[in-house]
Amino acid sequence: MKLSSKLFTLILASATFGFVGCKESGTTVETAAPPATVDTHDDHDEHAHPSEGPHHGGLIELGNEEYHAELVHDEDTGSVTIYVLNAAATEQIPIESTEITINVKHDGKPEQFKLAASPDANDPQGKSSRFVSTDAELGEHLDEEGADPKLVLTINGKSFRGTIAHDHDHEDHDHE
């Protein structure tokens, strides 16, 4: 009986060790990657902003897309309006400036146009998210080839310069 008891203990120990050993060293537990969520990195992509601003104007990148500006050109009145927008180009951001500047080249010479603060109703006292110029000459220069217009403004003490894209229809223009 002693032999069978020792044999039984040895077999039981071997089986237990073998079974546990397989679990620890030979068997791997496969886990699936966590499911994708709505809040993926793509939602924070630096180019995940709209192609036009909330007022249907052209977007101007400021800094490394820290902010955007939106240019709305009313060709009927000749006015040019700039809205200062957040990084996603979806909401207006009021800034402390009383004016901003658009630099253009006209006949190879630099010209500067100032746009005065024209605060929206929601802008806090002393700040503006909207700037307007009623100088029809600015609107004309924005449409000229080689004008290379640049927006210059200061936000929270930091100077920004953004290139204004020439994106008007070319049906009425002769660019040969």
N, C-alpha and C. Protein backbone atom coordinates (compact mmCIF):
# COMPACT_ATOMS: atom_id res chain seq x y z
N MET A 1 0.81 -1.17 0.00
CA MET A 1 0.00 0.00 0.00
C MET A 1 0.86 1.24 0.00
N LYS A 2 2.03 1.15 0.68
CA LYS A 2 2.91 2.29 0.67
C LYS A 2 3.37 2.62 -0.73
N LEU A 3 3.65 1.63 -1.52
CA LEU A 3 4.12 1.85 -2.88
C LEU A 3 3.02 2.49 -3.72
N SER A 4 1.82 1.99 -3.61
CA SER A 4 0.75 2.57 -4.42
C SER A 4 0.42 3.98 -3.94
N SER A 5 0.56 4.23 -2.64
CA SER A 5 0.30 5.57 -2.12
C SER A 5 1.37 6.54 -2.62
N LYS A 6 2.64 6.09 -2.63
CA LYS A 6 3.72 6.94 -3.16
C LYS A 6 3.57 7.13 -4.66
N LEU A 7 3.19 6.07 -5.36
CA LEU A 7 3.00 6.14 -6.80
C LEU A 7 1.85 7.09 -7.13
N PHE A 8 0.77 6.97 -6.36
CA PHE A 8 -0.38 7.85 -6.57
C PHE A 8 0.01 9.30 -6.33
N THR A 9 0.77 9.60 -5.28
CA THR A 9 1.21 10.95 -4.97
C THR A 9 2.12 11.48 -6.07
N LEU A 10 3.02 10.62 -6.55
CA LEU A 10 3.95 11.01 -7.62
C LEU A 10 3.18 11.31 -8.91
N ILE A 11 2.23 10.48 -9.25
CA ILE A 11 1.44 10.69 -10.46
C ILE A 11 0.61 11.97 -10.32
N LEU A 12 0.00 12.12 -9.16
CA LEU A 12 -0.81 13.31 -8.92
C LEU A 12 0.04 14.57 -8.98
N ALA A 13 1.22 14.53 -8.38
CA ALA A 13 2.13 15.69 -8.39
C ALA A 13 2.60 15.98 -9.81
N SER A 14 2.93 14.94 -10.56
CA SER A 14 3.38 15.12 -11.94
C SER A 14 2.28 15.71 -12.81
N ALA A 15 1.09 15.16 -12.62
CA ALA A 15 -0.03 15.66 -13.41
C ALA A 15 -0.33 17.12 -13.05
N THR A 16 -0.30 17.42 -11.76
CA THR A 16 -0.56 18.80 -11.33
C THR A 16 0.52 19.72 -11.84
N PHE A 17 1.78 19.33 -11.70
CA PHE A 17 2.89 20.16 -12.17
C PHE A 17 2.82 20.32 -13.68
N GLY A 18 2.56 19.25 -14.37
CA GLY A 18 2.47 19.31 -15.83
C GLY A 18 1.33 20.20 -16.28
N PHE A 19 0.22 20.09 -15.60
CA PHE A 19 -0.94 20.89 -15.97
C PHE A 19 -0.68 22.37 -15.70
N VAL A 20 -0.13 22.69 -14.52
CA VAL A 20 0.19 24.08 -14.18
C VAL A 20 1.30 24.59 -15.08
N GLY A 21 2.29 23.76 -15.33
CA GLY A 21 3.40 24.16 -16.20
C GLY A 21 2.92 24.53 -17.58
N CYS A 22 1.97 23.78 -18.10
CA CYS A 22 1.44 24.10 -19.42
C CYS A 22 0.76 25.46 -19.43
N LYS A 23 0.06 25.74 -18.37
CA LYS A 23 -0.63 27.02 -18.29
C LYS A 23 0.35 28.17 -18.25
N GLU A 24 1.41 28.01 -17.49
CA GLU A 24 2.33 29.12 -17.31
C GLU A 24 3.26 29.30 -18.49
N SER A 25 3.75 28.23 -19.09
CA SER A 25 4.75 28.41 -20.12
C SER A 25 4.29 28.08 -21.52
N GLY A 26 3.38 27.15 -21.68
CA GLY A 26 3.05 26.73 -23.02
C GLY A 26 1.78 27.34 -23.57
N THR A 27 0.91 27.79 -22.74
CA THR A 27 -0.35 28.34 -23.21
C THR A 27 -0.31 29.86 -23.13
N THR A 28 -0.68 30.49 -24.19
CA THR A 28 -0.75 31.95 -24.16
C THR A 28 -2.21 32.36 -24.25
N VAL A 29 -2.51 33.36 -23.53
CA VAL A 29 -3.86 33.88 -23.56
C VAL A 29 -3.90 35.01 -24.57
N GLU A 30 -4.75 34.86 -25.57
CA GLU A 30 -4.86 35.89 -26.60
C GLU A 30 -5.91 36.89 -26.19
N THR A 31 -5.54 38.15 -26.32
CA THR A 31 -6.51 39.20 -26.04
C THR A 31 -6.67 40.05 -27.28
N ALA A 32 -7.86 40.47 -27.52
CA ALA A 32 -8.12 41.33 -28.67
C ALA A 32 -7.78 42.77 -28.30
N ALA A 33 -7.44 43.55 -29.31
CA ALA A 33 -7.19 44.97 -29.09
C ALA A 33 -8.48 45.61 -28.61
N PRO A 34 -8.36 46.65 -27.80
CA PRO A 34 -9.59 47.30 -27.34
C PRO A 34 -10.35 47.86 -28.53
N PRO A 35 -11.65 47.86 -28.46
CA PRO A 35 -12.43 48.37 -29.59
C PRO A 35 -12.21 49.87 -29.77
N ALA A 36 -12.30 50.30 -31.00
CA ALA A 36 -12.15 51.72 -31.31
C ALA A 36 -13.29 52.49 -30.66
N THR A 37 -12.97 53.68 -30.20
CA THR A 37 -14.00 54.51 -29.59
C THR A 37 -14.26 55.69 -30.49
N VAL A 38 -15.25 56.44 -30.16
CA VAL A 38 -15.59 57.62 -30.96
C VAL A 38 -14.49 58.66 -30.87
N ASP A 39 -13.82 58.74 -29.72
CA ASP A 39 -12.80 59.74 -29.49
C ASP A 39 -11.43 59.21 -29.92
N THR A 40 -11.21 59.04 -31.22
CA THR A 40 -9.94 58.55 -31.72
C THR A 40 -9.00 59.71 -31.97
N HIS A 41 -7.74 59.39 -32.21
CA HIS A 41 -6.73 60.42 -32.48
C HIS A 41 -7.10 61.21 -33.73
N ASP A 42 -7.77 60.57 -34.68
CA ASP A 42 -8.13 61.26 -35.92
C ASP A 42 -9.01 62.47 -35.64
N ASP A 43 -9.80 62.42 -34.57
CA ASP A 43 -10.64 63.56 -34.24
C ASP A 43 -9.80 64.77 -33.86
N HIS A 44 -8.56 64.54 -33.46
CA HIS A 44 -7.70 65.64 -33.04
C HIS A 44 -6.65 65.94 -34.11
N ASP A 45 -6.83 65.42 -35.28
CA ASP A 45 -5.90 65.63 -36.38
C ASP A 45 -5.79 67.12 -36.66
N GLU A 46 -4.58 67.56 -36.95
CA GLU A 46 -4.39 68.98 -37.14
C GLU A 46 -5.16 69.53 -38.34
N HIS A 47 -5.61 68.68 -39.23
CA HIS A 47 -6.36 69.14 -40.39
C HIS A 47 -7.82 68.76 -40.29
N ALA A 48 -8.33 68.54 -39.08
CA ALA A 48 -9.70 68.12 -38.90
C ALA A 48 -10.63 69.31 -38.74
N HIS A 49 -10.30 70.43 -39.34
CA HIS A 49 -11.18 71.59 -39.28
C HIS A 49 -11.93 71.71 -40.60
N PRO A 50 -12.99 72.50 -40.64
CA PRO A 50 -13.76 72.64 -41.87
C PRO A 50 -12.96 73.32 -42.97
N SER A 51 -13.44 73.22 -44.20
CA SER A 51 -12.75 73.86 -45.32
C SER A 51 -13.13 75.33 -45.46
N GLU A 52 -14.19 75.75 -44.79
CA GLU A 52 -14.56 77.17 -44.76
C GLU A 52 -15.01 77.51 -43.35
N GLY A 53 -15.03 78.81 -43.07
CA GLY A 53 -15.39 79.26 -41.73
C GLY A 53 -16.89 79.26 -41.49
N PRO A 54 -17.29 79.57 -40.26
CA PRO A 54 -18.71 79.59 -39.91
C PRO A 54 -19.53 80.63 -40.68
N HIS A 55 -18.85 81.61 -41.28
CA HIS A 55 -19.54 82.64 -42.06
C HIS A 55 -19.36 82.40 -43.55
N HIS A 56 -18.93 81.19 -43.91
CA HIS A 56 -18.72 80.74 -45.29
C HIS A 56 -17.59 81.47 -46.00
N GLY A 57 -16.62 81.95 -45.21
CA GLY A 57 -15.46 82.62 -45.78
C GLY A 57 -14.26 81.68 -45.84
N GLY A 58 -13.19 82.14 -46.46
CA GLY A 58 -11.96 81.37 -46.58
C GLY A 58 -11.19 81.37 -45.27
N LEU A 59 -10.54 80.25 -44.97
CA LEU A 59 -9.78 80.12 -43.72
C LEU A 59 -8.32 80.51 -43.91
N ILE A 60 -7.76 81.09 -42.87
CA ILE A 60 -6.36 81.50 -42.82
C ILE A 60 -5.76 80.83 -41.60
N GLU A 61 -4.70 80.05 -41.81
CA GLU A 61 -4.03 79.38 -40.69
C GLU A 61 -3.13 80.36 -39.96
N LEU A 62 -3.21 80.34 -38.63
CA LEU A 62 -2.38 81.22 -37.80
C LEU A 62 -1.52 80.35 -36.88
N GLY A 63 -0.20 80.55 -36.96
CA GLY A 63 0.71 79.71 -36.19
C GLY A 63 0.65 78.29 -36.72
N ASN A 64 0.94 77.34 -35.85
CA ASN A 64 0.84 75.94 -36.24
C ASN A 64 -0.59 75.49 -35.96
N GLU A 65 -1.53 76.15 -36.62
CA GLU A 65 -2.96 75.95 -36.46
C GLU A 65 -3.41 76.16 -35.01
N GLU A 66 -2.70 77.07 -34.31
CA GLU A 66 -3.12 77.43 -32.96
C GLU A 66 -4.45 78.17 -33.02
N TYR A 67 -4.61 78.95 -34.07
CA TYR A 67 -5.83 79.71 -34.32
C TYR A 67 -6.06 79.71 -35.82
N HIS A 68 -7.23 80.18 -36.21
CA HIS A 68 -7.54 80.43 -37.60
C HIS A 68 -8.20 81.80 -37.68
N ALA A 69 -8.23 82.33 -38.87
CA ALA A 69 -9.01 83.53 -39.14
C ALA A 69 -9.86 83.20 -40.36
N GLU A 70 -10.96 83.89 -40.47
CA GLU A 70 -11.87 83.69 -41.61
C GLU A 70 -12.02 85.01 -42.33
N LEU A 71 -11.81 85.01 -43.64
CA LEU A 71 -11.96 86.22 -44.44
C LEU A 71 -13.26 86.13 -45.23
N VAL A 72 -14.10 87.14 -45.03
CA VAL A 72 -15.35 87.25 -45.79
C VAL A 72 -15.27 88.54 -46.58
N HIS A 73 -15.31 88.41 -47.91
CA HIS A 73 -15.22 89.57 -48.81
C HIS A 73 -16.58 89.78 -49.46
N ASP A 74 -17.21 90.89 -49.14
CA ASP A 74 -18.49 91.24 -49.74
C ASP A 74 -18.19 92.07 -50.98
N GLU A 75 -18.27 91.45 -52.13
CA GLU A 75 -17.89 92.14 -53.36
C GLU A 75 -18.88 93.25 -53.73
N ASP A 76 -20.12 93.16 -53.25
CA ASP A 76 -21.10 94.21 -53.55
C ASP A 76 -20.74 95.52 -52.85
N THR A 77 -20.34 95.44 -51.58
CA THR A 77 -20.00 96.66 -50.83
C THR A 77 -18.51 96.93 -50.81
N GLY A 78 -17.70 95.94 -51.17
CA GLY A 78 -16.24 96.09 -51.14
C GLY A 78 -15.65 95.86 -49.76
N SER A 79 -16.48 95.56 -48.78
CA SER A 79 -15.96 95.38 -47.42
C SER A 79 -15.26 94.02 -47.27
N VAL A 80 -14.28 94.02 -46.37
CA VAL A 80 -13.56 92.80 -46.02
C VAL A 80 -13.69 92.64 -44.50
N THR A 81 -14.15 91.46 -44.07
CA THR A 81 -14.31 91.18 -42.66
C THR A 81 -13.44 89.98 -42.30
N ILE A 82 -12.71 90.13 -41.21
CA ILE A 82 -11.90 89.03 -40.67
C ILE A 82 -12.49 88.63 -39.33
N TYR A 83 -12.75 87.33 -39.16
CA TYR A 83 -13.18 86.77 -37.88
C TYR A 83 -12.02 85.96 -37.32
N VAL A 84 -11.68 86.17 -36.05
CA VAL A 84 -10.64 85.39 -35.38
C VAL A 84 -11.32 84.15 -34.80
N LEU A 85 -10.77 82.97 -35.14
CA LEU A 85 -11.40 81.70 -34.77
C LEU A 85 -10.46 80.83 -33.93
N ASN A 86 -11.03 79.85 -33.28
CA ASN A 86 -10.26 78.89 -32.48
C ASN A 86 -9.47 77.94 -33.41
N ALA A 87 -8.73 77.01 -32.82
CA ALA A 87 -7.89 76.08 -33.58
C ALA A 87 -8.71 75.21 -34.52
N ALA A 88 -9.92 74.85 -34.12
CA ALA A 88 -10.78 74.02 -34.97
C ALA A 88 -11.53 74.82 -36.03
N ALA A 89 -11.38 76.14 -36.00
CA ALA A 89 -12.03 77.05 -36.96
C ALA A 89 -13.55 76.95 -36.88
N THR A 90 -14.07 76.77 -35.66
CA THR A 90 -15.51 76.62 -35.49
C THR A 90 -16.15 77.71 -34.63
N GLU A 91 -15.35 78.38 -33.78
CA GLU A 91 -15.90 79.39 -32.88
C GLU A 91 -15.03 80.65 -32.90
N GLN A 92 -15.69 81.80 -32.78
CA GLN A 92 -14.98 83.08 -32.74
C GLN A 92 -14.25 83.23 -31.40
N ILE A 93 -13.06 83.84 -31.46
CA ILE A 93 -12.23 84.10 -30.28
C ILE A 93 -12.00 85.60 -30.19
N PRO A 94 -12.57 86.26 -29.19
CA PRO A 94 -12.33 87.70 -29.03
C PRO A 94 -10.88 87.96 -28.57
N ILE A 95 -10.26 88.97 -29.19
CA ILE A 95 -8.89 89.34 -28.82
C ILE A 95 -8.87 90.82 -28.40
N GLU A 96 -7.78 91.24 -27.77
CA GLU A 96 -7.70 92.60 -27.22
C GLU A 96 -7.28 93.67 -28.22
N SER A 97 -7.03 93.33 -29.45
CA SER A 97 -6.58 94.32 -30.45
C SER A 97 -7.72 95.25 -30.88
N THR A 98 -7.33 96.51 -31.18
CA THR A 98 -8.31 97.46 -31.71
C THR A 98 -8.29 97.47 -33.24
N GLU A 99 -7.21 96.88 -33.82
CA GLU A 99 -7.12 96.75 -35.27
C GLU A 99 -6.16 95.62 -35.62
N ILE A 100 -6.32 95.10 -36.82
CA ILE A 100 -5.40 94.11 -37.37
C ILE A 100 -4.99 94.60 -38.75
N THR A 101 -4.02 93.96 -39.36
CA THR A 101 -3.45 94.45 -40.61
C THR A 101 -3.44 93.37 -41.69
N ILE A 102 -3.71 93.78 -42.92
CA ILE A 102 -3.50 92.92 -44.08
C ILE A 102 -2.46 93.62 -44.95
N ASN A 103 -1.37 92.92 -45.21
CA ASN A 103 -0.31 93.41 -46.09
C ASN A 103 -0.48 92.78 -47.47
N VAL A 104 -0.39 93.60 -48.51
CA VAL A 104 -0.48 93.11 -49.89
C VAL A 104 0.62 93.77 -50.73
N LYS A 105 0.85 93.19 -51.88
CA LYS A 105 1.74 93.81 -52.86
C LYS A 105 0.85 94.29 -54.01
N HIS A 106 1.07 95.53 -54.42
CA HIS A 106 0.33 96.09 -55.55
C HIS A 106 1.34 96.74 -56.48
N ASP A 107 1.37 96.27 -57.70
CA ASP A 107 2.36 96.73 -58.68
C ASP A 107 3.78 96.57 -58.12
N GLY A 108 4.01 95.49 -57.38
CA GLY A 108 5.32 95.20 -56.83
C GLY A 108 5.68 95.97 -55.57
N LYS A 109 4.78 96.86 -55.12
CA LYS A 109 5.06 97.66 -53.93
C LYS A 109 4.16 97.21 -52.78
N PRO A 110 4.72 97.18 -51.57
CA PRO A 110 3.90 96.76 -50.43
C PRO A 110 2.88 97.83 -50.02
N GLU A 111 1.69 97.37 -49.65
CA GLU A 111 0.66 98.25 -49.11
C GLU A 111 0.08 97.59 -47.87
N GLN A 112 -0.36 98.44 -46.94
CA GLN A 112 -0.94 97.97 -45.69
C GLN A 112 -2.35 98.49 -45.54
N PHE A 113 -3.23 97.59 -45.10
CA PHE A 113 -4.62 97.98 -44.83
C PHE A 113 -4.95 97.59 -43.40
N LYS A 114 -5.55 98.53 -42.68
CA LYS A 114 -5.95 98.30 -41.29
C LYS A 114 -7.43 97.93 -41.27
N LEU A 115 -7.76 96.92 -40.48
CA LEU A 115 -9.14 96.54 -40.26
C LEU A 115 -9.48 96.86 -38.81
N ALA A 116 -10.48 97.67 -38.61
CA ALA A 116 -10.85 98.12 -37.26
C ALA A 116 -11.70 97.08 -36.55
N ALA A 117 -11.50 97.01 -35.24
CA ALA A 117 -12.32 96.13 -34.41
C ALA A 117 -13.78 96.53 -34.54
N SER A 118 -14.63 95.53 -34.71
CA SER A 118 -16.08 95.73 -34.79
C SER A 118 -16.71 94.59 -34.00
N PRO A 119 -16.68 94.71 -32.66
CA PRO A 119 -17.07 93.58 -31.81
C PRO A 119 -18.48 93.05 -32.10
N ASP A 120 -18.58 91.71 -32.07
CA ASP A 120 -19.88 91.05 -32.15
C ASP A 120 -20.60 91.25 -30.82
N ALA A 121 -21.89 91.03 -30.80
CA ALA A 121 -22.70 91.20 -29.59
C ALA A 121 -22.19 90.33 -28.43
N ASN A 122 -21.64 89.16 -28.73
CA ASN A 122 -21.18 88.24 -27.68
C ASN A 122 -19.75 88.51 -27.21
N ASP A 123 -19.04 89.43 -27.86
CA ASP A 123 -17.66 89.72 -27.46
C ASP A 123 -17.65 90.51 -26.15
N PRO A 124 -16.76 90.16 -25.22
CA PRO A 124 -16.68 90.90 -23.96
C PRO A 124 -16.16 92.33 -24.18
N GLN A 125 -16.46 93.18 -23.24
CA GLN A 125 -16.02 94.58 -23.30
C GLN A 125 -14.50 94.66 -23.51
N GLY A 126 -14.04 95.47 -24.45
CA GLY A 126 -12.62 95.67 -24.69
C GLY A 126 -11.98 94.62 -25.59
N LYS A 127 -12.77 93.67 -26.10
CA LYS A 127 -12.24 92.63 -27.00
C LYS A 127 -13.12 92.55 -28.24
N SER A 128 -12.54 92.02 -29.31
CA SER A 128 -13.30 91.83 -30.55
C SER A 128 -12.84 90.57 -31.26
N SER A 129 -13.79 89.86 -31.85
CA SER A 129 -13.47 88.69 -32.67
C SER A 129 -13.71 89.02 -34.15
N ARG A 130 -14.17 90.25 -34.43
CA ARG A 130 -14.48 90.65 -35.80
C ARG A 130 -13.78 91.97 -36.11
N PHE A 131 -13.19 92.04 -37.31
CA PHE A 131 -12.47 93.24 -37.75
C PHE A 131 -12.90 93.53 -39.19
N VAL A 132 -13.15 94.83 -39.49
CA VAL A 132 -13.75 95.19 -40.77
C VAL A 132 -12.99 96.32 -41.44
N SER A 133 -12.88 96.21 -42.77
CA SER A 133 -12.39 97.30 -43.61
C SER A 133 -13.44 97.55 -44.69
N THR A 134 -13.78 98.82 -44.88
CA THR A 134 -14.72 99.18 -45.95
C THR A 134 -13.97 99.79 -47.14
N ASP A 135 -12.64 99.66 -47.12
CA ASP A 135 -11.80 100.18 -48.20
C ASP A 135 -11.89 99.22 -49.39
N ALA A 136 -12.61 99.63 -50.43
CA ALA A 136 -12.82 98.79 -51.61
C ALA A 136 -11.50 98.41 -52.27
N GLU A 137 -10.49 99.26 -52.12
CA GLU A 137 -9.18 98.98 -52.72
C GLU A 137 -8.58 97.69 -52.16
N LEU A 138 -8.79 97.42 -50.86
CA LEU A 138 -8.29 96.18 -50.27
C LEU A 138 -8.90 94.97 -50.97
N GLY A 139 -10.23 94.99 -51.14
CA GLY A 139 -10.90 93.89 -51.82
C GLY A 139 -10.37 93.67 -53.23
N GLU A 140 -10.11 94.75 -53.94
CA GLU A 140 -9.55 94.66 -55.30
C GLU A 140 -8.16 94.02 -55.27
N HIS A 141 -7.32 94.46 -54.32
CA HIS A 141 -5.95 93.94 -54.24
C HIS A 141 -5.92 92.46 -53.85
N LEU A 142 -6.88 92.03 -53.05
CA LEU A 142 -6.93 90.62 -52.66
C LEU A 142 -7.10 89.72 -53.88
N ASP A 143 -7.78 90.24 -54.91
CA ASP A 143 -8.03 89.47 -56.12
C ASP A 143 -6.90 89.51 -57.13
N GLU A 144 -5.93 90.36 -56.94
CA GLU A 144 -4.85 90.52 -57.91
C GLU A 144 -3.84 89.37 -57.83
N GLU A 145 -3.38 88.96 -58.99
CA GLU A 145 -2.30 87.97 -59.04
C GLU A 145 -1.03 88.59 -58.47
N GLY A 146 -0.30 87.85 -57.69
CA GLY A 146 0.96 88.32 -57.12
C GLY A 146 0.80 89.24 -55.93
N ALA A 147 -0.42 89.43 -55.43
CA ALA A 147 -0.64 90.33 -54.29
C ALA A 147 -0.04 89.74 -53.01
N ASP A 148 0.01 88.41 -52.91
CA ASP A 148 0.58 87.70 -51.77
C ASP A 148 0.08 88.28 -50.43
N PRO A 149 -1.25 88.35 -50.25
CA PRO A 149 -1.77 88.98 -49.04
C PRO A 149 -1.47 88.17 -47.77
N LYS A 150 -1.13 88.91 -46.71
CA LYS A 150 -0.82 88.31 -45.40
C LYS A 150 -1.62 89.05 -44.32
N LEU A 151 -2.18 88.28 -43.42
CA LEU A 151 -2.87 88.82 -42.26
C LEU A 151 -1.88 88.87 -41.10
N VAL A 152 -1.83 89.99 -40.40
CA VAL A 152 -0.93 90.15 -39.26
C VAL A 152 -1.77 90.61 -38.07
N LEU A 153 -1.67 89.87 -36.95
CA LEU A 153 -2.41 90.22 -35.75
C LEU A 153 -1.72 89.66 -34.52
N THR A 154 -2.12 90.13 -33.36
CA THR A 154 -1.56 89.68 -32.09
C THR A 154 -2.68 89.06 -31.26
N ILE A 155 -2.41 87.85 -30.76
CA ILE A 155 -3.36 87.15 -29.90
C ILE A 155 -2.65 86.79 -28.61
N ASN A 156 -3.17 87.27 -27.50
CA ASN A 156 -2.58 87.00 -26.17
C ASN A 156 -1.08 87.34 -26.12
N GLY A 157 -0.71 88.46 -26.71
CA GLY A 157 0.67 88.93 -26.68
C GLY A 157 1.59 88.28 -27.70
N LYS A 158 1.09 87.36 -28.51
CA LYS A 158 1.91 86.66 -29.51
C LYS A 158 1.50 87.11 -30.90
N SER A 159 2.49 87.48 -31.71
CA SER A 159 2.23 87.94 -33.07
C SER A 159 2.03 86.75 -34.01
N PHE A 160 1.01 86.84 -34.86
CA PHE A 160 0.72 85.80 -35.85
C PHE A 160 0.67 86.41 -37.23
N ARG A 161 1.12 85.64 -38.21
CA ARG A 161 1.06 86.04 -39.62
C ARG A 161 0.49 84.86 -40.39
N GLY A 162 -0.55 85.13 -41.18
CA GLY A 162 -1.17 84.06 -41.95
C GLY A 162 -1.31 84.45 -43.40
N THR A 163 -1.10 83.49 -44.29
CA THR A 163 -1.23 83.72 -45.73
C THR A 163 -2.69 83.62 -46.13
N ILE A 164 -3.15 84.60 -46.86
CA ILE A 164 -4.52 84.62 -47.35
C ILE A 164 -4.53 83.99 -48.73
N ALA A 165 -5.26 82.90 -48.87
CA ALA A 165 -5.32 82.18 -50.15
C ALA A 165 -6.20 82.93 -51.14
N HIS A 166 -5.77 82.92 -52.39
CA HIS A 166 -6.56 83.51 -53.48
C HIS A 166 -7.51 82.43 -53.95
N ASP A 167 -8.76 82.47 -53.49
CA ASP A 167 -9.69 81.38 -53.81
C ASP A 167 -10.98 81.84 -54.46
N HIS A 168 -10.94 82.96 -55.15
CA HIS A 168 -12.14 83.43 -55.85
C HIS A 168 -12.29 82.68 -57.16
N ASP A 169 -13.52 82.63 -57.68
CA ASP A 169 -13.74 82.01 -58.99
C ASP A 169 -12.95 82.78 -60.03
N HIS A 170 -12.44 82.06 -60.99
CA HIS A 170 -11.64 82.70 -62.03
C HIS A 170 -12.41 82.86 -63.33
N GLU A 171 -13.73 82.72 -63.30
CA GLU A 171 -14.53 82.84 -64.52
C GLU A 171 -14.42 84.23 -65.11
N ASP A 172 -14.45 85.25 -64.25
CA ASP A 172 -14.44 86.62 -64.74
C ASP A 172 -13.03 87.21 -64.85
N HIS A 173 -12.03 86.40 -64.55
CA HIS A 173 -10.64 86.89 -64.56
C HIS A 173 -9.89 86.30 -65.75
N ASP A 174 -8.99 87.06 -66.28
CA ASP A 174 -8.15 86.59 -67.37
C ASP A 174 -6.76 86.39 -66.82
N HIS A 175 -6.37 85.12 -66.57
CA HIS A 175 -5.07 84.81 -65.98
C HIS A 175 -4.19 84.08 -66.97
N GLU A 176 -3.93 84.66 -68.10
CA GLU A 176 -3.07 83.99 -69.08
C GLU A 176 -1.68 84.54 -69.06
